[in-house]
Protein backbone atom coordinates (compact mmCIF):
# COMPACT_ATOMS: atom_id res chain seq x y z
CA UNK A 1 0.00 0.00 0.00
CA UNK A 2 1.43 3.26 -1.04
CA UNK A 3 0.19 6.67 -0.07
CA UNK A 4 1.00 10.11 -1.30
CA UNK A 5 3.30 12.06 1.00
CA UNK A 6 0.64 14.77 1.30
CA UNK A 7 -2.07 12.36 2.49
CA UNK A 8 -2.62 12.93 6.22
CA UNK A 9 -2.47 10.09 8.71
CA UNK A 10 -1.65 6.41 8.44
CA UNK A 11 -3.51 4.11 6.10
CA UNK A 12 -5.63 1.32 7.60
CA UNK A 13 -5.47 -1.80 5.40
CA UNK A 14 -8.71 -2.62 3.56
CA UNK A 15 -8.89 -6.14 5.06
CA UNK A 16 -8.65 -4.67 8.55
CA UNK A 17 -11.44 -2.20 7.74
CA UNK A 18 -13.57 -5.02 6.35
CA UNK A 19 -12.94 -7.04 9.52
CA UNK A 20 -14.17 -4.12 11.65
CA UNK A 21 -17.26 -3.78 9.50
CA UNK A 22 -18.00 -7.50 9.77
CA UNK A 23 -17.68 -7.29 13.57
CA UNK A 24 -20.24 -4.49 13.57
CA UNK A 25 -22.53 -6.76 11.52
CA UNK A 26 -22.11 -9.58 14.10
CA UNK A 27 -20.15 -11.84 11.73
CA UNK A 28 -17.11 -12.69 13.87
CA UNK A 29 -15.94 -15.75 11.90
CA UNK A 30 -15.81 -13.78 8.66
CA UNK A 31 -14.16 -10.88 10.50
CA UNK A 32 -11.50 -13.18 11.93
CA UNK A 33 -10.69 -14.39 8.41
CA UNK A 34 -10.22 -10.79 7.22
CA UNK A 35 -8.02 -9.85 10.19
CA UNK A 36 -5.88 -12.93 9.56
CA UNK A 37 -5.54 -11.91 5.90
CA UNK A 38 -4.48 -8.43 7.01
CA UNK A 39 -1.83 -9.97 9.26
CA UNK A 40 -0.38 -11.94 6.34
CA UNK A 41 0.17 -8.68 4.46
CA UNK A 42 1.30 -6.71 7.54
CA UNK A 43 2.58 -9.10 10.25
CA UNK A 44 2.33 -7.84 13.81
CA UNK A 45 0.04 -4.91 12.96
CA UNK A 46 -1.53 -3.99 16.28
CA UNK A 47 -4.96 -3.01 14.91
CA UNK A 48 -5.34 -6.33 13.10
CA UNK A 49 -4.16 -8.26 16.16
CA UNK A 50 -6.66 -6.53 18.45
CA UNK A 51 -9.50 -6.89 15.95
CA UNK A 52 -8.61 -10.52 15.31
CA UNK A 53 -8.54 -11.26 19.03
CA UNK A 54 -11.96 -9.67 19.49
CA UNK A 55 -13.34 -11.60 16.51
CA UNK A 56 -11.84 -14.89 17.72
CA UNK A 57 -13.34 -14.44 21.19
CA UNK A 58 -16.78 -13.62 19.76
CA UNK A 59 -16.56 -16.59 17.39
CA UNK A 60 -15.59 -18.92 20.23
CA UNK A 61 -12.26 -19.77 18.59
CA UNK A 62 -10.09 -20.12 21.70
CA UNK A 63 -7.07 -21.43 19.77
CA UNK A 64 -6.89 -18.35 17.54
CA UNK A 65 -7.62 -16.07 20.49
CA UNK A 66 -4.72 -17.57 22.47
CA UNK A 67 -2.33 -17.24 19.50
CA UNK A 68 -3.33 -13.63 18.82
CA UNK A 69 -3.10 -12.70 22.52
CA UNK A 70 0.45 -14.08 22.60
CA UNK A 71 1.40 -12.03 19.52
CA UNK A 72 0.14 -8.85 21.18
CA UNK A 73 2.61 -9.11 24.03
PDB file of N, CA and C in Angstrom:
ATOM      1  N   UNK A   1       0.826  -1.172   0.000  1.00  0.00           N
ATOM      2  CA  UNK A   1       0.000   0.000   0.000  1.00  0.00           C
ATOM      3  C   UNK A   1       0.876   1.242   0.000  1.00  0.00           C
ATOM      4  N   UNK A   2       0.682   2.017  -0.982  1.00  0.00           N
ATOM      5  CA  UNK A   2       1.432   3.259  -1.041  1.00  0.00           C
ATOM      6  C   UNK A   2       0.469   4.397  -0.764  1.00  0.00           C
ATOM      7  N   UNK A   3       1.012   5.483  -0.258  1.00  0.00           N
ATOM      8  CA  UNK A   3       0.189   6.667  -0.067  1.00  0.00           C
ATOM      9  C   UNK A   3       1.010   7.882  -0.466  1.00  0.00           C
ATOM     10  N   UNK A   4       0.323   8.876  -0.922  1.00  0.00           N
ATOM     11  CA  UNK A   4       1.002  10.109  -1.301  1.00  0.00           C
ATOM     12  C   UNK A   4       1.564  10.777  -0.053  1.00  0.00           C
ATOM     13  N   UNK A   5       2.709  11.420  -0.171  1.00  0.00           N
ATOM     14  CA  UNK A   5       3.296  12.058   0.997  1.00  0.00           C
ATOM     15  C   UNK A   5       2.432  13.172   1.578  1.00  0.00           C
ATOM     16  N   UNK A   6       1.494  13.700   0.798  1.00  0.00           N
ATOM     17  CA  UNK A   6       0.637  14.772   1.303  1.00  0.00           C
ATOM     18  C   UNK A   6      -0.626  14.244   1.976  1.00  0.00           C
ATOM     19  N   UNK A   7      -0.885  12.949   1.872  1.00  0.00           N
ATOM     20  CA  UNK A   7      -2.065  12.363   2.495  1.00  0.00           C
ATOM     21  C   UNK A   7      -1.870  12.336   4.008  1.00  0.00           C
ATOM     22  N   UNK A   8      -2.795  12.913   4.764  1.00  0.00           N
ATOM     23  CA  UNK A   8      -2.616  12.929   6.220  1.00  0.00           C
ATOM     24  C   UNK A   8      -2.922  11.577   6.858  1.00  0.00           C
ATOM     25  N   UNK A   9      -2.189  11.270   7.900  1.00  0.00           N
ATOM     26  CA  UNK A   9      -2.468  10.087   8.711  1.00  0.00           C
ATOM     27  C   UNK A   9      -2.070   8.769   8.083  1.00  0.00           C
ATOM     28  N   UNK A  10      -2.002   7.753   8.915  1.00  0.00           N
ATOM     29  CA  UNK A  10      -1.654   6.414   8.441  1.00  0.00           C
ATOM     30  C   UNK A  10      -2.829   5.774   7.699  1.00  0.00           C
ATOM     31  N   UNK A  11      -2.492   4.834   6.844  1.00  0.00           N
ATOM     32  CA  UNK A  11      -3.510   4.107   6.098  1.00  0.00           C
ATOM     33  C   UNK A  11      -3.872   2.838   6.875  1.00  0.00           C
ATOM     34  N   UNK A  12      -5.160   2.561   6.990  1.00  0.00           N
ATOM     35  CA  UNK A  12      -5.628   1.318   7.602  1.00  0.00           C
ATOM     36  C   UNK A  12      -5.896   0.352   6.451  1.00  0.00           C
ATOM     37  N   UNK A  13      -5.279  -0.838   6.494  1.00  0.00           N
ATOM     38  CA  UNK A  13      -5.470  -1.796   5.402  1.00  0.00           C
ATOM     39  C   UNK A  13      -6.947  -2.134   5.180  1.00  0.00           C
ATOM     40  N   UNK A  14      -7.316  -2.346   3.923  1.00  0.00           N
ATOM     41  CA  UNK A  14      -8.710  -2.624   3.562  1.00  0.00           C
ATOM     42  C   UNK A  14      -9.242  -3.867   4.273  1.00  0.00           C
ATOM     43  N   UNK A  15      -8.426  -4.906   4.390  1.00  0.00           N
ATOM     44  CA  UNK A  15      -8.890  -6.135   5.058  1.00  0.00           C
ATOM     45  C   UNK A  15      -9.210  -5.876   6.528  1.00  0.00           C
ATOM     46  N   UNK A  16      -8.408  -5.022   7.147  1.00  0.00           N
ATOM     47  CA  UNK A  16      -8.646  -4.669   8.546  1.00  0.00           C
ATOM     48  C   UNK A  16      -9.955  -3.873   8.674  1.00  0.00           C
ATOM     49  N   UNK A  17     -10.187  -2.960   7.740  1.00  0.00           N
ATOM     50  CA  UNK A  17     -11.438  -2.202   7.740  1.00  0.00           C
ATOM     51  C   UNK A  17     -12.638  -3.120   7.523  1.00  0.00           C
ATOM     52  N   UNK A  18     -12.491  -4.068   6.610  1.00  0.00           N
ATOM     53  CA  UNK A  18     -13.571  -5.022   6.352  1.00  0.00           C
ATOM     54  C   UNK A  18     -13.833  -5.868   7.592  1.00  0.00           C
ATOM     55  N   UNK A  19     -12.777  -6.281   8.283  1.00  0.00           N
ATOM     56  CA  UNK A  19     -12.939  -7.042   9.520  1.00  0.00           C
ATOM     57  C   UNK A  19     -13.727  -6.260  10.555  1.00  0.00           C
ATOM     58  N   UNK A  20     -13.424  -4.971  10.701  1.00  0.00           N
ATOM     59  CA  UNK A  20     -14.165  -4.125  11.651  1.00  0.00           C
ATOM     60  C   UNK A  20     -15.634  -4.031  11.263  1.00  0.00           C
ATOM     61  N   UNK A  21     -15.879  -3.871   9.972  1.00  0.00           N
ATOM     62  CA  UNK A  21     -17.258  -3.784   9.503  1.00  0.00           C
ATOM     63  C   UNK A  21     -18.018  -5.078   9.782  1.00  0.00           C
ATOM     64  N   UNK A  22     -17.366  -6.214   9.532  1.00  0.00           N
ATOM     65  CA  UNK A  22     -18.004  -7.499   9.772  1.00  0.00           C
ATOM     66  C   UNK A  22     -18.284  -7.715  11.260  1.00  0.00           C
ATOM     67  N   UNK A  23     -17.412  -7.212  12.121  1.00  0.00           N
ATOM     68  CA  UNK A  23     -17.681  -7.293  13.565  1.00  0.00           C
ATOM     69  C   UNK A  23     -18.925  -6.489  13.918  1.00  0.00           C
ATOM     70  N   UNK A  24     -19.064  -5.318  13.322  1.00  0.00           N
ATOM     71  CA  UNK A  24     -20.241  -4.494  13.573  1.00  0.00           C
ATOM     72  C   UNK A  24     -21.517  -5.171  13.084  1.00  0.00           C
ATOM     73  N   UNK A  25     -21.385  -6.027  12.070  1.00  0.00           N
ATOM     74  CA  UNK A  25     -22.533  -6.762  11.522  1.00  0.00           C
ATOM     75  C   UNK A  25     -22.735  -8.118  12.205  1.00  0.00           C
ATOM     76  N   UNK A  26     -22.033  -8.328  13.322  1.00  0.00           N
ATOM     77  CA  UNK A  26     -22.106  -9.575  14.101  1.00  0.00           C
ATOM     78  C   UNK A  26     -21.767 -10.803  13.266  1.00  0.00           C
ATOM     79  N   UNK A  27     -20.657 -10.722  12.525  1.00  0.00           N
ATOM     80  CA  UNK A  27     -20.152 -11.839  11.734  1.00  0.00           C
ATOM     81  C   UNK A  27     -18.696 -12.088  12.134  1.00  0.00           C
ATOM     82  N   UNK A  28     -18.472 -12.576  13.363  1.00  0.00           N
ATOM     83  CA  UNK A  28     -17.106 -12.692  13.873  1.00  0.00           C
ATOM     84  C   UNK A  28     -16.228 -13.689  13.126  1.00  0.00           C
ATOM     85  N   UNK A  29     -16.771 -14.780  12.620  1.00  0.00           N
ATOM     86  CA  UNK A  29     -15.943 -15.753  11.895  1.00  0.00           C
ATOM     87  C   UNK A  29     -15.389 -15.142  10.608  1.00  0.00           C
ATOM     88  N   UNK A  30     -16.251 -14.433   9.888  1.00  0.00           N
ATOM     89  CA  UNK A  30     -15.807 -13.781   8.664  1.00  0.00           C
ATOM     90  C   UNK A  30     -14.806 -12.669   8.988  1.00  0.00           C
ATOM     91  N   UNK A  31     -15.062 -11.948  10.083  1.00  0.00           N
ATOM     92  CA  UNK A  31     -14.160 -10.876  10.504  1.00  0.00           C
ATOM     93  C   UNK A  31     -12.787 -11.440  10.847  1.00  0.00           C
ATOM     94  N   UNK A  32     -12.767 -12.555  11.564  1.00  0.00           N
ATOM     95  CA  UNK A  32     -11.495 -13.183  11.927  1.00  0.00           C
ATOM     96  C   UNK A  32     -10.701 -13.529  10.678  1.00  0.00           C
ATOM     97  N   UNK A  33     -11.364 -14.051   9.674  1.00  0.00           N
ATOM     98  CA  UNK A  33     -10.692 -14.392   8.415  1.00  0.00           C
ATOM     99  C   UNK A  33     -10.042 -13.143   7.800  1.00  0.00           C
ATOM    100  N   UNK A  34     -10.756 -12.025   7.805  1.00  0.00           N
ATOM    101  CA  UNK A  34     -10.219 -10.792   7.218  1.00  0.00           C
ATOM    102  C   UNK A  34      -9.046 -10.250   8.026  1.00  0.00           C
ATOM    103  N   UNK A  35      -9.137 -10.311   9.359  1.00  0.00           N
ATOM    104  CA  UNK A  35      -8.024  -9.846  10.187  1.00  0.00           C
ATOM    105  C   UNK A  35      -6.794 -10.730   9.966  1.00  0.00           C
ATOM    106  N   UNK A  36      -7.009 -12.031   9.818  1.00  0.00           N
ATOM    107  CA  UNK A  36      -5.885 -12.933   9.556  1.00  0.00           C
ATOM    108  C   UNK A  36      -5.257 -12.628   8.204  1.00  0.00           C
ATOM    109  N   UNK A  37      -6.068 -12.300   7.219  1.00  0.00           N
ATOM    110  CA  UNK A  37      -5.540 -11.913   5.904  1.00  0.00           C
ATOM    111  C   UNK A  37      -4.730 -10.627   6.009  1.00  0.00           C
ATOM    112  N   UNK A  38      -5.211  -9.678   6.814  1.00  0.00           N
ATOM    113  CA  UNK A  38      -4.484  -8.426   7.014  1.00  0.00           C
ATOM    114  C   UNK A  38      -3.129  -8.684   7.661  1.00  0.00           C
ATOM    115  N   UNK A  39      -3.090  -9.655   8.567  1.00  0.00           N
ATOM    116  CA  UNK A  39      -1.832  -9.973   9.260  1.00  0.00           C
ATOM    117  C   UNK A  39      -0.826 -10.669   8.348  1.00  0.00           C
ATOM    118  N   UNK A  40      -1.301 -11.331   7.307  1.00  0.00           N
ATOM    119  CA  UNK A  40      -0.376 -11.936   6.338  1.00  0.00           C
ATOM    120  C   UNK A  40       0.342 -10.820   5.583  1.00  0.00           C
ATOM    121  N   UNK A  41      -0.411  -9.792   5.205  1.00  0.00           N
ATOM    122  CA  UNK A  41       0.175  -8.677   4.463  1.00  0.00           C
ATOM    123  C   UNK A  41       1.009  -7.755   5.352  1.00  0.00           C
ATOM    124  N   UNK A  42       0.593  -7.612   6.621  1.00  0.00           N
ATOM    125  CA  UNK A  42       1.299  -6.709   7.544  1.00  0.00           C
ATOM    126  C   UNK A  42       1.449  -7.418   8.896  1.00  0.00           C
ATOM    127  N   UNK A  43       2.416  -8.335   9.006  1.00  0.00           N
ATOM    128  CA  UNK A  43       2.585  -9.100  10.245  1.00  0.00           C
ATOM    129  C   UNK A  43       2.807  -8.196  11.463  1.00  0.00           C
ATOM    130  N   UNK A  44       2.138  -8.548  12.557  1.00  0.00           N
ATOM    131  CA  UNK A  44       2.327  -7.836  13.813  1.00  0.00           C
ATOM    132  C   UNK A  44       1.595  -6.509  13.905  1.00  0.00           C
ATOM    133  N   UNK A  45       0.781  -6.181  12.915  1.00  0.00           N
ATOM    134  CA  UNK A  45       0.044  -4.908  12.957  1.00  0.00           C
ATOM    135  C   UNK A  45      -0.943  -4.936  14.119  1.00  0.00           C
ATOM    136  N   UNK A  46      -0.786  -3.989  15.028  1.00  0.00           N
ATOM    137  CA  UNK A  46      -1.532  -3.987  16.280  1.00  0.00           C
ATOM    138  C   UNK A  46      -3.055  -3.927  16.073  1.00  0.00           C
ATOM    139  N   UNK A  47      -3.525  -3.118  15.159  1.00  0.00           N
ATOM    140  CA  UNK A  47      -4.964  -3.009  14.910  1.00  0.00           C
ATOM    141  C   UNK A  47      -5.562  -4.328  14.460  1.00  0.00           C
ATOM    142  N   UNK A  48      -4.850  -5.035  13.591  1.00  0.00           N
ATOM    143  CA  UNK A  48      -5.337  -6.327  13.101  1.00  0.00           C
ATOM    144  C   UNK A  48      -5.278  -7.385  14.212  1.00  0.00           C
ATOM    145  N   UNK A  49      -4.252  -7.310  15.053  1.00  0.00           N
ATOM    146  CA  UNK A  49      -4.157  -8.264  16.163  1.00  0.00           C
ATOM    147  C   UNK A  49      -5.302  -8.068  17.158  1.00  0.00           C
ATOM    148  N   UNK A  50      -5.577  -6.813  17.502  1.00  0.00           N
ATOM    149  CA  UNK A  50      -6.655  -6.528  18.452  1.00  0.00           C
ATOM    150  C   UNK A  50      -8.006  -6.905  17.858  1.00  0.00           C
ATOM    151  N   UNK A  51      -8.241  -6.531  16.613  1.00  0.00           N
ATOM    152  CA  UNK A  51      -9.496  -6.886  15.952  1.00  0.00           C
ATOM    153  C   UNK A  51      -9.654  -8.389  15.811  1.00  0.00           C
ATOM    154  N   UNK A  52      -8.568  -9.060  15.447  1.00  0.00           N
ATOM    155  CA  UNK A  52      -8.606 -10.517  15.307  1.00  0.00           C
ATOM    156  C   UNK A  52      -8.886 -11.196  16.626  1.00  0.00           C
ATOM    157  N   UNK A  53      -8.300 -10.693  17.694  1.00  0.00           N
ATOM    158  CA  UNK A  53      -8.536 -11.260  19.025  1.00  0.00           C
ATOM    159  C   UNK A  53     -10.002 -11.101  19.406  1.00  0.00           C
ATOM    160  N   UNK A  54     -10.542  -9.906  19.179  1.00  0.00           N
ATOM    161  CA  UNK A  54     -11.959  -9.669  19.486  1.00  0.00           C
ATOM    162  C   UNK A  54     -12.853 -10.599  18.668  1.00  0.00           C
ATOM    163  N   UNK A  55     -12.555 -10.739  17.388  1.00  0.00           N
ATOM    164  CA  UNK A  55     -13.343 -11.604  16.512  1.00  0.00           C
ATOM    165  C   UNK A  55     -13.244 -13.066  16.947  1.00  0.00           C
ATOM    166  N   UNK A  56     -12.034 -13.505  17.293  1.00  0.00           N
ATOM    167  CA  UNK A  56     -11.841 -14.894  17.718  1.00  0.00           C
ATOM    168  C   UNK A  56     -12.623 -15.180  18.996  1.00  0.00           C
ATOM    169  N   UNK A  57     -12.597 -14.245  19.934  1.00  0.00           N
ATOM    170  CA  UNK A  57     -13.337 -14.438  21.186  1.00  0.00           C
ATOM    171  C   UNK A  57     -14.844 -14.505  20.924  1.00  0.00           C
ATOM    172  N   UNK A  58     -15.346 -13.617  20.067  1.00  0.00           N
ATOM    173  CA  UNK A  58     -16.780 -13.619  19.758  1.00  0.00           C
ATOM    174  C   UNK A  58     -17.197 -14.866  18.978  1.00  0.00           C
ATOM    175  N   UNK A  59     -16.275 -15.386  18.179  1.00  0.00           N
ATOM    176  CA  UNK A  59     -16.564 -16.589  17.391  1.00  0.00           C
ATOM    177  C   UNK A  59     -16.390 -17.871  18.207  1.00  0.00           C
ATOM    178  N   UNK A  60     -15.825 -17.738  19.402  1.00  0.00           N
ATOM    179  CA  UNK A  60     -15.593 -18.923  20.233  1.00  0.00           C
ATOM    180  C   UNK A  60     -14.387 -19.727  19.791  1.00  0.00           C
ATOM    181  N   UNK A  61     -13.466 -19.101  19.086  1.00  0.00           N
ATOM    182  CA  UNK A  61     -12.259 -19.773  18.594  1.00  0.00           C
ATOM    183  C   UNK A  61     -11.121 -19.518  19.588  1.00  0.00           C
ATOM    184  N   UNK A  62     -11.065 -20.342  20.622  1.00  0.00           N
ATOM    185  CA  UNK A  62     -10.092 -20.119  21.701  1.00  0.00           C
ATOM    186  C   UNK A  62      -8.652 -20.322  21.237  1.00  0.00           C
ATOM    187  N   UNK A  63      -8.432 -21.201  20.280  1.00  0.00           N
ATOM    188  CA  UNK A  63      -7.071 -21.434  19.772  1.00  0.00           C
ATOM    189  C   UNK A  63      -6.520 -20.183  19.090  1.00  0.00           C
ATOM    190  N   UNK A  64      -7.322 -19.578  18.218  1.00  0.00           N
ATOM    191  CA  UNK A  64      -6.890 -18.355  17.542  1.00  0.00           C
ATOM    192  C   UNK A  64      -6.754 -17.210  18.540  1.00  0.00           C
ATOM    193  N   UNK A  65      -7.675 -17.128  19.484  1.00  0.00           N
ATOM    194  CA  UNK A  65      -7.618 -16.067  20.491  1.00  0.00           C
ATOM    195  C   UNK A  65      -6.324 -16.161  21.306  1.00  0.00           C
ATOM    196  N   UNK A  66      -5.941 -17.369  21.701  1.00  0.00           N
ATOM    197  CA  UNK A  66      -4.716 -17.569  22.468  1.00  0.00           C
ATOM    198  C   UNK A  66      -3.492 -17.172  21.654  1.00  0.00           C
ATOM    199  N   UNK A  67      -3.462 -17.561  20.381  1.00  0.00           N
ATOM    200  CA  UNK A  67      -2.334 -17.235  19.505  1.00  0.00           C
ATOM    201  C   UNK A  67      -2.220 -15.723  19.308  1.00  0.00           C
ATOM    202  N   UNK A  68      -3.346 -15.068  19.049  1.00  0.00           N
ATOM    203  CA  UNK A  68      -3.328 -13.626  18.824  1.00  0.00           C
ATOM    204  C   UNK A  68      -2.963 -12.859  20.096  1.00  0.00           C
ATOM    205  N   UNK A  69      -3.443 -13.334  21.235  1.00  0.00           N
ATOM    206  CA  UNK A  69      -3.104 -12.695  22.520  1.00  0.00           C
ATOM    207  C   UNK A  69      -1.595 -12.780  22.760  1.00  0.00           C
ATOM    208  N   UNK A  70      -0.995 -13.904  22.425  1.00  0.00           N
ATOM    209  CA  UNK A  70       0.452 -14.075  22.600  1.00  0.00           C
ATOM    210  C   UNK A  70       1.229 -13.148  21.671  1.00  0.00           C
ATOM    211  N   UNK A  71       0.723 -12.929  20.465  1.00  0.00           N
ATOM    212  CA  UNK A  71       1.401 -12.033  19.515  1.00  0.00           C
ATOM    213  C   UNK A  71       1.319 -10.580  19.958  1.00  0.00           C
ATOM    214  N   UNK A  72       0.287 -10.235  20.705  1.00  0.00           N
ATOM    215  CA  UNK A  72       0.135  -8.851  21.179  1.00  0.00           C
ATOM    216  C   UNK A  72       1.159  -8.461  22.224  1.00  0.00           C
ATOM    217  N   UNK A  73       1.677  -9.423  22.946  1.00  0.00           N
ATOM    218  CA  UNK A  73       2.610  -9.115  24.032  1.00  0.00           C
ATOM    219  C   UNK A  73       3.971  -8.767  23.535  1.00  0.00           C
TER     220      UNK A  73
END
